Structure formats: structure tokens, C-alpha cells
Amino acid sequence: MTPLFECETEVTWEFDYMDLYERSASAALDAEGCPYEVSVSLLLTDDEAIRQINNDSRGIDKATDVLSFPMIELPAPADFSRLEEDEMCFDPDTGELLLGDIVLSKDRIEAQAKEYGHSLEREYSFLIVHSMLHLMGYDHMKDDDRKLMEERQKIIMANLAADLPELAV
């Protein structure tokens, strides 16, 4: 996986957020059986910037914790079977699957970690896993889809927490 990372805000977290980004995204890819090397970008920003992106892209003038911008459309969640039919899904230089972009609000991560009573690492990792599932075709608009996505999140986070106890709830 090629993890592209950009930070628009000052981050003073006492953990290696680049390493945790890579580990969380890779865990989601592995759990969903992605057969390709993947390129994913993550933008870490603040509430004001994510509010503007949310307004520009979705018409919702409100800060949010995470935005996901898939670059591919899958026939079903984690169904990678038809991607090779469309060479536009892959970076012509690296051959990597261009999965999409993640935008996270540092402000929301910090507030939600406090609100939910868990670590910054856990909230950050969870939002990456959540977004990765969106990039792989999962959604939570309908109740059945929400239940499926929540179950996949729970499994991936449990797998991560087995190696990284700071991610346990």
C-alpha cells in the first residue's frame, strides 16, 4: 500500500500517526481481501477546513469527523472482481489500485476520543477503518448495510487491537 499523507493543521499527538494510518488502512484492506497493491490518500485537517470540503462536495455546511471519496465503484462491498476490466482504476506508473481519498478532522478526533472515553489512537484508527470501508463500497444508509459495515468495523478493530492494545475500547 502507498499511503499518501498531507497535514494542514498542527498535530502534537504523542503517537506515530503515519504508522497507525498505514496499519489501520492495511488491516482494512487485508480483512476485505483486496488482491491489489493500493494507493490511498489521507488529509488531516481541522473543523473549519473539513466543514468547507463537506459544504463544497456534499452541500452540508457543517464540520464532520471523516469524509470519504472513493475513486472506484464496486458492484458490491469489497467485490474487486471486475476492476481489471477498467485500466482507469489503476495508476499507470505504479499499477496500484487508486482506491480514493480520506479527509479527517483533527479537532473532531480529539473531541470524540474524549466524548467516547477512549484514546486518540483508537478514534483515529477507527475513522480510518470506517473510511476505508466506504472506499471499498460499504455504506450505512440502510439498516442492513449499516449492520454489515458495523460488523466489519468491529472485526477489523479487534484484529488491530490484538497487536495494538491502545486501540481497545
N, C-alpha and C. Protein backbone atom coordinates (compact mmCIF):
# COMPACT_ATOMS: atom_id res chain seq x y z
N MET A 1 0.84 -1.17 0.00
CA MET A 1 0.00 0.00 0.00
C MET A 1 0.89 1.24 0.00
N THR A 2 0.50 2.21 -0.81
CA THR A 2 1.16 3.50 -0.77
C THR A 2 0.25 4.47 -0.03
N PRO A 3 0.64 4.83 1.20
CA PRO A 3 -0.17 5.76 1.98
C PRO A 3 0.28 7.19 1.72
N LEU A 4 -0.51 7.94 1.01
CA LEU A 4 -0.21 9.35 0.78
C LEU A 4 -0.79 10.13 1.94
N PHE A 5 -0.04 11.10 2.44
CA PHE A 5 -0.46 11.80 3.65
C PHE A 5 -0.16 13.28 3.52
N GLU A 6 -1.16 14.10 3.90
CA GLU A 6 -0.97 15.55 3.95
C GLU A 6 -1.61 16.04 5.24
N CYS A 7 -0.95 16.98 5.89
CA CYS A 7 -1.45 17.53 7.14
C CYS A 7 -1.54 19.04 7.00
N GLU A 8 -2.74 19.58 7.23
CA GLU A 8 -2.96 21.03 7.12
C GLU A 8 -3.07 21.72 8.48
N THR A 9 -2.83 20.99 9.53
CA THR A 9 -3.01 21.54 10.87
C THR A 9 -1.89 21.05 11.77
N GLU A 10 -1.66 21.76 12.85
CA GLU A 10 -0.62 21.34 13.78
C GLU A 10 -1.10 20.14 14.58
N VAL A 11 -0.27 19.10 14.60
CA VAL A 11 -0.59 17.88 15.33
C VAL A 11 0.48 17.65 16.38
N THR A 12 0.06 17.53 17.62
CA THR A 12 1.01 17.31 18.71
C THR A 12 0.74 15.98 19.40
N TRP A 13 0.17 15.05 18.67
CA TRP A 13 -0.13 13.74 19.24
C TRP A 13 1.16 13.02 19.58
N GLU A 14 1.11 12.23 20.63
CA GLU A 14 2.30 11.53 21.10
C GLU A 14 2.35 10.09 20.59
N PHE A 15 1.81 9.87 19.42
CA PHE A 15 1.92 8.55 18.79
C PHE A 15 2.26 8.76 17.32
N ASP A 16 2.76 7.71 16.70
CA ASP A 16 3.18 7.78 15.30
C ASP A 16 1.94 7.64 14.41
N TYR A 17 1.33 8.76 14.09
CA TYR A 17 0.07 8.71 13.34
C TYR A 17 0.25 8.26 11.90
N MET A 18 1.45 8.40 11.34
CA MET A 18 1.69 7.86 9.99
C MET A 18 1.68 6.33 10.03
N ASP A 19 2.39 5.76 11.00
CA ASP A 19 2.43 4.31 11.14
C ASP A 19 1.03 3.76 11.41
N LEU A 20 0.27 4.43 12.28
CA LEU A 20 -1.07 3.95 12.60
C LEU A 20 -2.00 4.07 11.40
N TYR A 21 -1.83 5.09 10.59
CA TYR A 21 -2.59 5.22 9.34
C TYR A 21 -2.31 4.01 8.45
N GLU A 22 -1.05 3.71 8.23
CA GLU A 22 -0.69 2.57 7.38
C GLU A 22 -1.24 1.26 7.94
N ARG A 23 -1.08 1.05 9.23
CA ARG A 23 -1.54 -0.20 9.85
C ARG A 23 -3.05 -0.34 9.79
N SER A 24 -3.75 0.75 10.04
CA SER A 24 -5.22 0.70 10.02
C SER A 24 -5.75 0.47 8.62
N ALA A 25 -5.22 1.20 7.65
CA ALA A 25 -5.66 1.03 6.26
C ALA A 25 -5.31 -0.37 5.75
N SER A 26 -4.13 -0.85 6.06
CA SER A 26 -3.72 -2.19 5.63
C SER A 26 -4.59 -3.26 6.26
N ALA A 27 -4.93 -3.09 7.54
CA ALA A 27 -5.80 -4.07 8.21
C ALA A 27 -7.16 -4.14 7.53
N ALA A 28 -7.70 -3.00 7.13
CA ALA A 28 -8.99 -2.98 6.43
C ALA A 28 -8.87 -3.67 5.08
N LEU A 29 -7.82 -3.36 4.34
CA LEU A 29 -7.62 -3.99 3.03
C LEU A 29 -7.48 -5.50 3.17
N ASP A 30 -6.68 -5.94 4.14
CA ASP A 30 -6.48 -7.38 4.36
C ASP A 30 -7.79 -8.06 4.75
N ALA A 31 -8.54 -7.45 5.66
CA ALA A 31 -9.79 -8.05 6.12
C ALA A 31 -10.80 -8.19 4.99
N GLU A 32 -10.76 -7.27 4.05
CA GLU A 32 -11.72 -7.30 2.94
C GLU A 32 -11.18 -8.05 1.74
N GLY A 33 -9.99 -8.59 1.84
CA GLY A 33 -9.44 -9.44 0.78
C GLY A 33 -9.08 -8.69 -0.49
N CYS A 34 -8.64 -7.46 -0.36
CA CYS A 34 -8.25 -6.71 -1.55
C CYS A 34 -7.01 -7.36 -2.17
N PRO A 35 -7.10 -7.77 -3.42
CA PRO A 35 -5.99 -8.50 -4.04
C PRO A 35 -4.93 -7.60 -4.69
N TYR A 36 -5.04 -6.31 -4.53
CA TYR A 36 -4.16 -5.37 -5.22
C TYR A 36 -3.32 -4.56 -4.25
N GLU A 37 -2.21 -4.08 -4.74
CA GLU A 37 -1.50 -3.01 -4.06
C GLU A 37 -2.35 -1.76 -4.28
N VAL A 38 -2.43 -0.92 -3.28
CA VAL A 38 -3.40 0.17 -3.29
C VAL A 38 -2.73 1.50 -2.97
N SER A 39 -3.26 2.55 -3.55
CA SER A 39 -2.87 3.91 -3.20
C SER A 39 -4.08 4.59 -2.56
N VAL A 40 -3.85 5.14 -1.36
CA VAL A 40 -4.90 5.84 -0.62
C VAL A 40 -4.30 7.13 -0.09
N SER A 41 -5.03 8.23 -0.19
CA SER A 41 -4.53 9.47 0.38
C SER A 41 -5.35 9.85 1.60
N LEU A 42 -4.66 10.45 2.56
CA LEU A 42 -5.30 10.93 3.78
C LEU A 42 -4.91 12.38 3.99
N LEU A 43 -5.91 13.21 4.19
CA LEU A 43 -5.71 14.62 4.53
C LEU A 43 -6.19 14.79 5.96
N LEU A 44 -5.28 15.25 6.83
CA LEU A 44 -5.62 15.55 8.21
C LEU A 44 -5.74 17.07 8.31
N THR A 45 -6.93 17.53 8.69
CA THR A 45 -7.20 18.96 8.70
C THR A 45 -7.96 19.34 9.96
N ASP A 46 -8.51 20.54 9.98
CA ASP A 46 -9.27 20.99 11.16
C ASP A 46 -10.75 21.10 10.82
N ASP A 47 -11.54 21.47 11.83
CA ASP A 47 -13.00 21.55 11.64
C ASP A 47 -13.41 22.54 10.55
N GLU A 48 -12.77 23.68 10.51
CA GLU A 48 -13.16 24.69 9.52
C GLU A 48 -12.91 24.20 8.10
N ALA A 49 -11.77 23.58 7.87
CA ALA A 49 -11.45 23.10 6.52
C ALA A 49 -12.34 21.94 6.12
N ILE A 50 -12.61 21.01 7.04
CA ILE A 50 -13.48 19.88 6.68
C ILE A 50 -14.92 20.36 6.48
N ARG A 51 -15.32 21.39 7.23
CA ARG A 51 -16.65 21.98 7.02
C ARG A 51 -16.76 22.51 5.60
N GLN A 52 -15.72 23.20 5.14
CA GLN A 52 -15.73 23.75 3.78
C GLN A 52 -15.75 22.65 2.72
N ILE A 53 -14.96 21.60 2.93
CA ILE A 53 -14.94 20.47 1.99
C ILE A 53 -16.30 19.78 1.98
N ASN A 54 -16.89 19.60 3.15
CA ASN A 54 -18.21 18.97 3.26
C ASN A 54 -19.26 19.82 2.54
N ASN A 55 -19.18 21.12 2.69
CA ASN A 55 -20.13 22.02 2.01
C ASN A 55 -19.93 21.98 0.50
N ASP A 56 -18.67 22.05 0.07
CA ASP A 56 -18.38 22.05 -1.37
C ASP A 56 -18.75 20.73 -2.04
N SER A 57 -18.51 19.60 -1.36
CA SER A 57 -18.71 18.30 -2.01
C SER A 57 -20.09 17.70 -1.77
N ARG A 58 -20.72 18.04 -0.64
CA ARG A 58 -21.99 17.40 -0.30
C ARG A 58 -23.11 18.39 -0.04
N GLY A 59 -22.79 19.69 -0.04
CA GLY A 59 -23.81 20.70 0.23
C GLY A 59 -24.24 20.72 1.68
N ILE A 60 -23.39 20.22 2.58
CA ILE A 60 -23.69 20.20 4.01
C ILE A 60 -22.71 21.14 4.69
N ASP A 61 -23.20 22.28 5.17
CA ASP A 61 -22.35 23.31 5.75
C ASP A 61 -22.15 23.03 7.24
N LYS A 62 -21.39 21.97 7.51
CA LYS A 62 -21.20 21.51 8.88
C LYS A 62 -19.89 20.73 8.94
N ALA A 63 -19.15 20.91 10.03
CA ALA A 63 -17.94 20.10 10.24
C ALA A 63 -18.37 18.65 10.49
N THR A 64 -17.51 17.73 10.11
CA THR A 64 -17.75 16.31 10.34
C THR A 64 -16.42 15.67 10.72
N ASP A 65 -16.47 14.44 11.17
CA ASP A 65 -15.23 13.78 11.58
C ASP A 65 -14.45 13.21 10.41
N VAL A 66 -15.14 12.66 9.43
CA VAL A 66 -14.47 11.99 8.31
C VAL A 66 -15.28 12.15 7.04
N LEU A 67 -14.57 12.32 5.95
CA LEU A 67 -15.16 12.30 4.61
C LEU A 67 -14.39 11.27 3.79
N SER A 68 -15.11 10.53 2.97
CA SER A 68 -14.51 9.50 2.13
C SER A 68 -14.87 9.79 0.68
N PHE A 69 -13.86 9.72 -0.18
CA PHE A 69 -14.07 9.99 -1.60
C PHE A 69 -13.53 8.81 -2.41
N PRO A 70 -14.40 7.80 -2.66
CA PRO A 70 -13.95 6.64 -3.44
C PRO A 70 -13.63 7.04 -4.88
N MET A 71 -12.61 6.42 -5.43
CA MET A 71 -12.26 6.68 -6.83
C MET A 71 -12.73 5.56 -7.74
N ILE A 72 -13.26 4.50 -7.15
CA ILE A 72 -13.77 3.37 -7.92
C ILE A 72 -15.18 3.05 -7.46
N GLU A 73 -15.94 2.42 -8.34
CA GLU A 73 -17.27 1.96 -7.97
C GLU A 73 -17.27 0.44 -8.06
N LEU A 74 -17.59 -0.17 -6.95
CA LEU A 74 -17.62 -1.63 -6.90
C LEU A 74 -19.05 -2.12 -7.00
N PRO A 75 -19.28 -3.30 -7.62
CA PRO A 75 -20.65 -3.81 -7.75
C PRO A 75 -21.29 -4.18 -6.41
N ALA A 76 -20.46 -4.50 -5.43
CA ALA A 76 -20.90 -4.82 -4.08
C ALA A 76 -19.73 -4.53 -3.14
N PRO A 77 -19.98 -4.36 -1.85
CA PRO A 77 -18.88 -4.09 -0.94
C PRO A 77 -17.76 -5.13 -1.06
N ALA A 78 -16.55 -4.62 -1.21
CA ALA A 78 -15.34 -5.44 -1.29
C ALA A 78 -15.35 -6.45 -2.44
N ASP A 79 -16.12 -6.17 -3.48
CA ASP A 79 -16.13 -7.02 -4.67
C ASP A 79 -15.18 -6.42 -5.69
N PHE A 80 -13.95 -6.92 -5.70
CA PHE A 80 -12.90 -6.39 -6.57
C PHE A 80 -12.82 -7.14 -7.89
N SER A 81 -13.79 -8.00 -8.19
CA SER A 81 -13.70 -8.94 -9.31
C SER A 81 -13.65 -8.30 -10.69
N ARG A 82 -14.21 -7.13 -10.87
CA ARG A 82 -14.28 -6.55 -12.23
C ARG A 82 -13.30 -5.41 -12.47
N LEU A 83 -12.46 -5.12 -11.52
CA LEU A 83 -11.60 -3.94 -11.64
C LEU A 83 -10.61 -4.03 -12.79
N GLU A 84 -10.11 -5.20 -13.07
CA GLU A 84 -9.11 -5.33 -14.13
C GLU A 84 -9.68 -5.00 -15.51
N GLU A 85 -11.00 -4.97 -15.62
CA GLU A 85 -11.64 -4.61 -16.89
C GLU A 85 -11.51 -3.11 -17.17
N ASP A 86 -11.19 -2.33 -16.16
CA ASP A 86 -11.10 -0.88 -16.31
C ASP A 86 -9.72 -0.40 -15.88
N GLU A 87 -8.85 -0.19 -16.85
CA GLU A 87 -7.48 0.22 -16.54
C GLU A 87 -7.42 1.59 -15.87
N MET A 88 -8.49 2.38 -15.95
CA MET A 88 -8.52 3.69 -15.31
C MET A 88 -8.53 3.59 -13.79
N CYS A 89 -8.78 2.40 -13.26
CA CYS A 89 -8.79 2.19 -11.81
C CYS A 89 -7.37 2.10 -11.24
N PHE A 90 -6.40 2.00 -12.12
CA PHE A 90 -5.03 1.75 -11.68
C PHE A 90 -4.09 2.86 -12.11
N ASP A 91 -3.13 3.17 -11.24
CA ASP A 91 -2.11 4.15 -11.56
C ASP A 91 -1.24 3.59 -12.68
N PRO A 92 -1.12 4.30 -13.80
CA PRO A 92 -0.36 3.77 -14.94
C PRO A 92 1.13 3.61 -14.64
N ASP A 93 1.65 4.37 -13.68
CA ASP A 93 3.08 4.28 -13.35
C ASP A 93 3.39 3.17 -12.36
N THR A 94 2.53 3.00 -11.35
CA THR A 94 2.82 2.02 -10.30
C THR A 94 2.00 0.74 -10.40
N GLY A 95 0.88 0.79 -11.13
CA GLY A 95 -0.02 -0.35 -11.21
C GLY A 95 -0.92 -0.49 -10.00
N GLU A 96 -0.82 0.45 -9.06
CA GLU A 96 -1.63 0.36 -7.85
C GLU A 96 -3.08 0.77 -8.11
N LEU A 97 -3.97 0.11 -7.40
CA LEU A 97 -5.39 0.47 -7.43
C LEU A 97 -5.55 1.83 -6.77
N LEU A 98 -6.19 2.75 -7.46
CA LEU A 98 -6.45 4.10 -6.93
C LEU A 98 -7.76 4.04 -6.15
N LEU A 99 -7.66 3.74 -4.86
CA LEU A 99 -8.86 3.48 -4.06
C LEU A 99 -9.63 4.75 -3.73
N GLY A 100 -8.94 5.81 -3.33
CA GLY A 100 -9.66 7.04 -3.02
C GLY A 100 -8.96 7.88 -1.98
N ASP A 101 -9.73 8.85 -1.45
CA ASP A 101 -9.20 9.85 -0.54
C ASP A 101 -9.99 9.86 0.77
N ILE A 102 -9.27 10.09 1.85
CA ILE A 102 -9.86 10.21 3.18
C ILE A 102 -9.52 11.60 3.71
N VAL A 103 -10.50 12.26 4.31
CA VAL A 103 -10.27 13.54 4.98
C VAL A 103 -10.74 13.37 6.42
N LEU A 104 -9.84 13.68 7.36
CA LEU A 104 -10.16 13.58 8.78
C LEU A 104 -9.99 14.94 9.45
N SER A 105 -10.86 15.22 10.41
CA SER A 105 -10.73 16.43 11.21
C SER A 105 -10.01 16.09 12.51
N LYS A 106 -8.84 16.68 12.70
CA LYS A 106 -8.09 16.52 13.95
C LYS A 106 -8.94 16.99 15.14
N ASP A 107 -9.65 18.08 14.96
CA ASP A 107 -10.49 18.61 16.04
C ASP A 107 -11.56 17.61 16.47
N ARG A 108 -12.21 16.99 15.49
CA ARG A 108 -13.27 16.01 15.80
C ARG A 108 -12.67 14.75 16.42
N ILE A 109 -11.51 14.31 15.95
CA ILE A 109 -10.86 13.13 16.53
C ILE A 109 -10.61 13.37 18.01
N GLU A 110 -10.06 14.53 18.34
CA GLU A 110 -9.76 14.84 19.74
C GLU A 110 -11.03 14.95 20.58
N ALA A 111 -12.05 15.61 20.05
CA ALA A 111 -13.31 15.77 20.80
C ALA A 111 -14.01 14.42 20.99
N GLN A 112 -14.06 13.61 19.95
CA GLN A 112 -14.76 12.32 20.03
C GLN A 112 -14.01 11.34 20.92
N ALA A 113 -12.70 11.37 20.92
CA ALA A 113 -11.95 10.48 21.82
C ALA A 113 -12.34 10.79 23.26
N LYS A 114 -12.42 12.08 23.60
CA LYS A 114 -12.84 12.49 24.95
C LYS A 114 -14.29 12.07 25.21
N GLU A 115 -15.15 12.39 24.24
CA GLU A 115 -16.57 12.10 24.40
C GLU A 115 -16.84 10.62 24.60
N TYR A 116 -16.15 9.76 23.84
CA TYR A 116 -16.37 8.32 23.92
C TYR A 116 -15.50 7.65 24.99
N GLY A 117 -14.59 8.42 25.58
CA GLY A 117 -13.78 7.88 26.66
C GLY A 117 -12.73 6.88 26.23
N HIS A 118 -12.19 7.07 25.02
CA HIS A 118 -11.10 6.20 24.60
C HIS A 118 -9.93 7.03 24.06
N SER A 119 -8.88 6.35 23.66
CA SER A 119 -7.64 7.03 23.26
C SER A 119 -7.78 7.73 21.91
N LEU A 120 -6.91 8.71 21.71
CA LEU A 120 -6.81 9.36 20.40
C LEU A 120 -6.48 8.33 19.32
N GLU A 121 -5.57 7.42 19.67
CA GLU A 121 -5.17 6.38 18.71
C GLU A 121 -6.37 5.57 18.25
N ARG A 122 -7.23 5.22 19.20
CA ARG A 122 -8.40 4.40 18.86
C ARG A 122 -9.35 5.17 17.94
N GLU A 123 -9.61 6.43 18.26
CA GLU A 123 -10.53 7.22 17.43
C GLU A 123 -9.96 7.43 16.03
N TYR A 124 -8.70 7.78 15.95
CA TYR A 124 -8.03 7.99 14.67
C TYR A 124 -8.06 6.72 13.82
N SER A 125 -7.68 5.61 14.43
CA SER A 125 -7.67 4.33 13.72
C SER A 125 -9.07 3.94 13.27
N PHE A 126 -10.05 4.09 14.17
CA PHE A 126 -11.43 3.75 13.83
C PHE A 126 -11.92 4.54 12.62
N LEU A 127 -11.65 5.84 12.60
CA LEU A 127 -12.13 6.66 11.48
C LEU A 127 -11.45 6.28 10.18
N ILE A 128 -10.20 5.87 10.24
CA ILE A 128 -9.51 5.40 9.04
C ILE A 128 -10.15 4.10 8.56
N VAL A 129 -10.37 3.16 9.46
CA VAL A 129 -11.03 1.89 9.09
C VAL A 129 -12.41 2.17 8.51
N HIS A 130 -13.18 3.02 9.17
CA HIS A 130 -14.52 3.38 8.70
C HIS A 130 -14.45 3.93 7.27
N SER A 131 -13.53 4.85 7.04
CA SER A 131 -13.41 5.45 5.72
C SER A 131 -12.93 4.44 4.68
N MET A 132 -11.99 3.59 5.07
CA MET A 132 -11.51 2.56 4.13
C MET A 132 -12.67 1.66 3.69
N LEU A 133 -13.55 1.33 4.60
CA LEU A 133 -14.72 0.52 4.22
C LEU A 133 -15.60 1.28 3.23
N HIS A 134 -15.76 2.58 3.43
CA HIS A 134 -16.50 3.37 2.44
C HIS A 134 -15.79 3.31 1.08
N LEU A 135 -14.48 3.43 1.08
CA LEU A 135 -13.74 3.40 -0.18
C LEU A 135 -13.87 2.05 -0.87
N MET A 136 -14.17 1.00 -0.09
CA MET A 136 -14.35 -0.34 -0.65
C MET A 136 -15.82 -0.69 -0.85
N GLY A 137 -16.69 0.33 -0.88
CA GLY A 137 -18.07 0.12 -1.27
C GLY A 137 -19.08 -0.08 -0.17
N TYR A 138 -18.67 -0.04 1.08
CA TYR A 138 -19.62 -0.17 2.18
C TYR A 138 -20.32 1.16 2.43
N ASP A 139 -21.54 1.06 2.98
CA ASP A 139 -22.29 2.27 3.32
C ASP A 139 -23.15 1.97 4.54
N HIS A 140 -23.76 3.00 5.09
CA HIS A 140 -24.60 2.81 6.27
C HIS A 140 -25.91 3.59 6.14
N MET A 141 -26.38 3.76 4.92
CA MET A 141 -27.62 4.50 4.70
C MET A 141 -28.86 3.65 5.03
N LYS A 142 -28.80 2.36 4.72
CA LYS A 142 -29.90 1.44 5.03
C LYS A 142 -29.50 0.60 6.24
N ASP A 143 -30.47 0.16 7.00
CA ASP A 143 -30.20 -0.55 8.25
C ASP A 143 -29.35 -1.81 8.03
N ASP A 144 -29.67 -2.62 7.03
CA ASP A 144 -28.89 -3.84 6.76
C ASP A 144 -27.45 -3.50 6.38
N ASP A 145 -27.29 -2.46 5.58
CA ASP A 145 -25.94 -2.03 5.18
C ASP A 145 -25.16 -1.51 6.39
N ARG A 146 -25.84 -0.77 7.25
CA ARG A 146 -25.21 -0.25 8.46
C ARG A 146 -24.73 -1.38 9.35
N LYS A 147 -25.59 -2.39 9.56
CA LYS A 147 -25.22 -3.53 10.39
C LYS A 147 -24.01 -4.26 9.82
N LEU A 148 -23.98 -4.45 8.52
CA LEU A 148 -22.85 -5.12 7.87
C LEU A 148 -21.57 -4.30 8.05
N MET A 149 -21.65 -3.01 7.82
CA MET A 149 -20.48 -2.16 7.95
C MET A 149 -19.99 -2.13 9.40
N GLU A 150 -20.90 -2.02 10.34
CA GLU A 150 -20.51 -2.02 11.75
C GLU A 150 -19.83 -3.33 12.15
N GLU A 151 -20.33 -4.44 11.63
CA GLU A 151 -19.72 -5.73 11.94
C GLU A 151 -18.30 -5.81 11.36
N ARG A 152 -18.12 -5.32 10.14
CA ARG A 152 -16.78 -5.33 9.53
C ARG A 152 -15.84 -4.43 10.32
N GLN A 153 -16.32 -3.26 10.75
CA GLN A 153 -15.51 -2.35 11.56
C GLN A 153 -15.07 -3.03 12.85
N LYS A 154 -16.03 -3.68 13.51
CA LYS A 154 -15.75 -4.34 14.78
C LYS A 154 -14.66 -5.41 14.62
N ILE A 155 -14.75 -6.21 13.57
CA ILE A 155 -13.77 -7.27 13.32
C ILE A 155 -12.39 -6.67 13.05
N ILE A 156 -12.33 -5.67 12.21
CA ILE A 156 -11.05 -5.05 11.86
C ILE A 156 -10.42 -4.39 13.08
N MET A 157 -11.21 -3.67 13.86
CA MET A 157 -10.68 -3.01 15.05
C MET A 157 -10.22 -4.03 16.09
N ALA A 158 -10.91 -5.16 16.22
CA ALA A 158 -10.48 -6.21 17.14
C ALA A 158 -9.15 -6.80 16.68
N ASN A 159 -8.99 -6.99 15.39
CA ASN A 159 -7.73 -7.50 14.85
C ASN A 159 -6.59 -6.52 15.13
N LEU A 160 -6.84 -5.25 14.93
CA LEU A 160 -5.83 -4.23 15.21
C LEU A 160 -5.50 -4.17 16.71
N ALA A 161 -6.51 -4.23 17.55
CA ALA A 161 -6.31 -4.14 19.00
C ALA A 161 -5.53 -5.33 19.54
N ALA A 162 -5.59 -6.46 18.85
CA ALA A 162 -4.81 -7.62 19.29
C ALA A 162 -3.32 -7.32 19.26
N ASP A 163 -2.90 -6.51 18.29
CA ASP A 163 -1.49 -6.11 18.19
C ASP A 163 -1.20 -4.76 18.85
N LEU A 164 -2.22 -3.93 18.96
CA LEU A 164 -2.06 -2.57 19.50
C LEU A 164 -3.08 -2.35 20.60
N PRO A 165 -2.74 -2.71 21.84
CA PRO A 165 -3.72 -2.63 22.94
C PRO A 165 -4.31 -1.24 23.16
N GLU A 166 -3.60 -0.19 22.73
CA GLU A 166 -4.12 1.16 22.90
C GLU A 166 -5.37 1.42 22.04
N LEU A 167 -5.67 0.49 21.14
CA LEU A 167 -6.87 0.63 20.29
C LEU A 167 -8.09 -0.05 20.89
N ALA A 168 -7.90 -0.79 21.96
CA ALA A 168 -9.02 -1.47 22.59
C ALA A 168 -9.98 -0.44 23.20
N VAL A 169 -11.23 -0.77 23.18
CA VAL A 169 -12.25 0.11 23.76
C VAL A 169 -12.32 -0.09 25.25
